[in-house]
């Protein structure tokens, strides 16, 4: 069984091709490194292929702050004629600032909680079997970044979504652990 804190290496098998899931934080790239006889001897850096199973961390406050900041940054400028129709009152501006300050403090608490959870995972204090239906995250061991799903298609397979490594947490880094066959059930 897979447990929290386990180190995994993902191997993909297809008809004639196969390879390992490979991460590179410098280019924020995750992809399948194909292996043939020539590349097997070049794949000496095994740490590029190792991921750690982590519990679901919290990113709700971070996502809310990102949305609020994007909304604040996209506020119409005075150059826009529609923006001149209604200007915000001083009280509204102060309320928005207070809300952003509160969100920032909640994000700091959330991030410190996530750091504490990860410290427990790394020390071996937090373990437990991963059951079908559990939500997990996969941390690239070498970089410390999380495997994250992109909204855009994968570069070489437009029917699949792209993957990247991200140091910033988000709900796009959450994966549901599901059985391969329908005969196995969740739980």
Protein backbone atom coordinates (compact mmCIF):
# COMPACT_ATOMS: atom_id res chain seq x y z
CA UNK A 1 0.00 0.00 0.00
CA UNK A 2 0.99 3.60 -0.60
CA UNK A 3 1.44 5.72 2.55
CA UNK A 4 1.92 9.42 3.24
CA UNK A 5 5.61 10.26 2.90
CA UNK A 6 6.40 7.45 0.45
CA UNK A 7 8.81 8.22 -2.36
CA UNK A 8 7.54 7.23 -5.80
CA UNK A 9 8.92 7.01 -9.29
CA UNK A 10 6.29 6.95 -12.05
CA UNK A 11 6.94 4.67 -14.99
CA UNK A 12 4.68 4.85 -18.05
CA UNK A 13 4.33 1.86 -20.36
CA UNK A 14 2.85 2.02 -23.81
CA UNK A 15 3.19 -0.32 -26.76
CA UNK A 16 6.77 0.32 -27.84
CA UNK A 17 7.54 3.43 -25.80
CA UNK A 18 7.93 3.96 -22.10
CA UNK A 19 9.59 6.30 -19.71
CA UNK A 20 9.64 7.96 -16.33
CA UNK A 21 7.90 11.11 -15.13
CA UNK A 22 10.66 13.71 -14.95
CA UNK A 23 10.60 17.13 -13.28
CA UNK A 24 12.71 20.23 -13.89
CA UNK A 25 11.95 23.28 -11.73
CA UNK A 26 14.24 25.60 -13.71
CA UNK A 27 11.97 25.37 -16.73
CA UNK A 28 8.82 24.45 -14.73
CA UNK A 29 8.59 21.40 -16.96
CA UNK A 30 7.23 18.00 -16.19
CA UNK A 31 7.22 15.35 -18.83
CA UNK A 32 7.81 11.79 -19.77
CA UNK A 33 11.49 10.99 -20.23
CA UNK A 34 11.61 8.19 -22.78
CA UNK A 35 14.27 5.56 -22.35
CA UNK A 36 16.03 3.56 -24.96
CA UNK A 37 19.44 1.91 -24.69
CA UNK A 38 21.30 5.21 -25.22
CA UNK A 39 19.31 7.31 -22.73
CA UNK A 40 19.38 4.66 -19.99
CA UNK A 41 23.04 5.26 -19.42
CA UNK A 42 22.51 9.05 -19.42
CA UNK A 43 19.80 8.91 -16.74
CA UNK A 44 22.17 8.89 -13.78
CA UNK A 45 20.42 11.71 -11.92
CA UNK A 46 17.71 9.58 -10.34
CA UNK A 47 16.53 12.40 -8.04
CA UNK A 48 14.88 14.12 -11.03
CA UNK A 49 12.36 11.27 -11.15
CA UNK A 50 11.34 10.96 -7.47
CA UNK A 51 8.08 12.34 -6.02
CA UNK A 52 6.85 12.28 -2.39
CA UNK A 53 3.24 11.46 -1.48
CA UNK A 54 1.90 14.30 0.68
CA UNK A 55 -1.45 14.87 2.36
CA UNK A 56 -3.81 17.49 1.02
CA UNK A 57 -2.56 20.90 2.12
CA UNK A 58 -4.83 23.93 2.45
CA UNK A 59 -4.78 26.66 -0.19
CA UNK A 60 -8.27 28.15 0.13
CA UNK A 61 -7.13 31.45 1.64
CA UNK A 62 -4.29 31.72 -0.90
CA UNK A 63 -6.77 31.25 -3.75
CA UNK A 64 -9.14 33.87 -2.26
CA UNK A 65 -6.27 36.35 -1.92
CA UNK A 66 -5.19 35.75 -5.52
CA UNK A 67 -8.74 36.41 -6.73
CA UNK A 68 -9.06 39.55 -4.59
CA UNK A 69 -5.70 40.91 -5.78
CA UNK A 70 -6.56 40.18 -9.41
CA UNK A 71 -9.87 41.99 -8.94
CA UNK A 72 -8.11 44.96 -7.35
CA UNK A 73 -5.52 45.10 -10.15
CA UNK A 74 -8.20 44.94 -12.84
CA UNK A 75 -10.16 47.88 -11.42
CA UNK A 76 -10.95 50.24 -14.31
CA UNK A 77 -8.65 53.22 -14.64
CA UNK A 78 -9.87 56.81 -14.94
CA UNK A 79 -9.07 56.67 -18.67
CA UNK A 80 -12.08 54.41 -19.17
CA UNK A 81 -15.28 56.50 -19.62
CA UNK A 82 -17.36 53.91 -17.75
CA UNK A 83 -15.03 54.19 -14.77
CA UNK A 84 -15.86 57.87 -14.46
CA UNK A 85 -19.51 57.08 -13.87
CA UNK A 86 -18.93 55.92 -10.30
CA UNK A 87 -15.92 56.40 -8.09
CA UNK A 88 -15.50 54.41 -4.91
CA UNK A 89 -16.03 56.20 -1.66
CA UNK A 90 -13.26 56.46 0.89
CA UNK A 91 -15.11 53.99 3.15
CA UNK A 92 -15.33 51.41 0.35
CA UNK A 93 -11.61 51.72 -0.40
CA UNK A 94 -10.75 51.35 3.29
CA UNK A 95 -13.05 48.30 3.58
CA UNK A 96 -11.28 46.65 0.62
CA UNK A 97 -7.87 47.36 2.15
CA UNK A 98 -8.99 45.92 5.49
CA UNK A 99 -10.33 42.81 3.76
CA UNK A 100 -7.03 42.33 1.90
CA UNK A 101 -5.06 42.77 5.13
CA UNK A 102 -7.24 40.15 6.84
CA UNK A 103 -6.81 37.76 3.89
CA UNK A 104 -3.03 38.22 3.98
CA UNK A 105 -2.91 37.33 7.67
CA UNK A 106 -5.07 34.25 7.02
CA UNK A 107 -2.73 33.23 4.18
CA UNK A 108 0.24 33.50 6.55
CA UNK A 109 -1.54 31.25 9.08
CA UNK A 110 -2.48 28.79 6.34
CA UNK A 111 1.09 28.67 5.02
CA UNK A 112 2.56 28.16 8.50
CA UNK A 113 0.10 25.30 9.05
CA UNK A 114 1.14 23.75 5.71
CA UNK A 115 4.82 24.06 6.67
CA UNK A 116 4.10 22.32 10.00
CA UNK A 117 2.30 19.48 8.20
CA UNK A 118 5.17 19.03 5.75
CA UNK A 119 7.69 18.98 8.60
CA UNK A 120 5.69 16.14 10.17
CA UNK A 121 5.67 14.28 6.86
CA UNK A 122 9.43 14.68 6.44
CA UNK A 123 10.16 13.62 10.03
CA UNK A 124 7.93 10.55 9.71
CA UNK A 125 5.47 11.70 12.41
CA UNK A 126 2.63 11.97 9.91
CA UNK A 127 1.99 8.72 8.10
CA UNK A 128 -0.99 6.69 7.11
CA UNK A 129 -2.17 4.52 4.30
CA UNK A 130 -3.58 6.29 1.26
CA UNK A 131 -6.97 4.81 0.40
CA UNK A 132 -8.84 5.02 -2.89
CA UNK A 133 -10.73 8.30 -2.94
CA UNK A 134 -8.17 10.21 -0.81
CA UNK A 135 -6.88 13.54 -2.05
CA UNK A 136 -3.07 13.72 -2.16
CA UNK A 137 -0.31 15.93 -3.50
CA UNK A 138 2.90 14.90 -5.19
CA UNK A 139 6.02 16.82 -4.23
CA UNK A 140 9.06 16.70 -6.50
CA UNK A 141 11.76 15.69 -4.02
CA UNK A 142 14.69 17.43 -5.69
CA UNK A 143 13.01 20.84 -6.08
CA UNK A 144 10.38 20.76 -3.31
CA UNK A 145 7.77 21.96 -5.83
CA UNK A 146 4.39 20.30 -6.30
CA UNK A 147 3.14 18.58 -9.42
CA UNK A 148 0.40 20.86 -10.78
CA UNK A 149 -2.12 20.42 -13.58
CA UNK A 150 -2.34 23.22 -16.15
CA UNK A 151 -5.54 24.46 -17.75
CA UNK A 152 -3.88 24.22 -21.16
CA UNK A 153 -3.27 21.07 -23.15
CA UNK A 154 -0.03 19.12 -22.95
CA UNK A 155 2.44 20.12 -25.68
CA UNK A 156 2.69 16.72 -27.34
CA UNK A 157 -0.78 15.34 -26.60
CA UNK A 158 -3.58 17.89 -27.02
CA UNK A 159 -6.13 15.49 -25.52
CA UNK A 160 -4.32 15.59 -22.17
CA UNK A 161 -3.77 18.48 -19.82
CA UNK A 162 -0.25 19.77 -19.24
CA UNK A 163 1.73 19.35 -16.04
CA UNK A 164 4.17 21.69 -14.36
CA UNK A 165 6.08 22.06 -11.12
CA UNK A 166 4.89 24.90 -8.91
CA UNK A 167 6.32 26.17 -5.64
CA UNK A 168 3.12 28.15 -5.05
CA UNK A 169 0.35 25.95 -3.74
CA UNK A 170 -3.02 25.76 -5.42
CA UNK A 171 -5.98 23.45 -5.81
CA UNK A 172 -4.54 22.43 -9.21
CA UNK A 173 -1.91 20.45 -7.28
CA UNK A 174 -4.48 18.11 -5.70
CA UNK A 175 -4.96 14.60 -7.06
CA UNK A 176 -7.62 12.05 -6.20
CA UNK A 177 -6.18 8.59 -5.64
CA UNK A 178 -8.42 6.33 -7.74
CA UNK A 179 -8.37 2.64 -8.59
CA UNK A 180 -7.31 1.60 -12.05
CA UNK A 181 -10.09 -0.96 -12.41
CA UNK A 182 -13.78 -0.52 -11.58
CA UNK A 183 -13.75 -3.76 -9.59
CA UNK A 184 -11.82 -1.91 -6.87
CA UNK A 185 -13.83 0.60 -4.88
CA UNK A 186 -13.03 3.78 -3.02
CA UNK A 187 -12.52 3.73 0.73
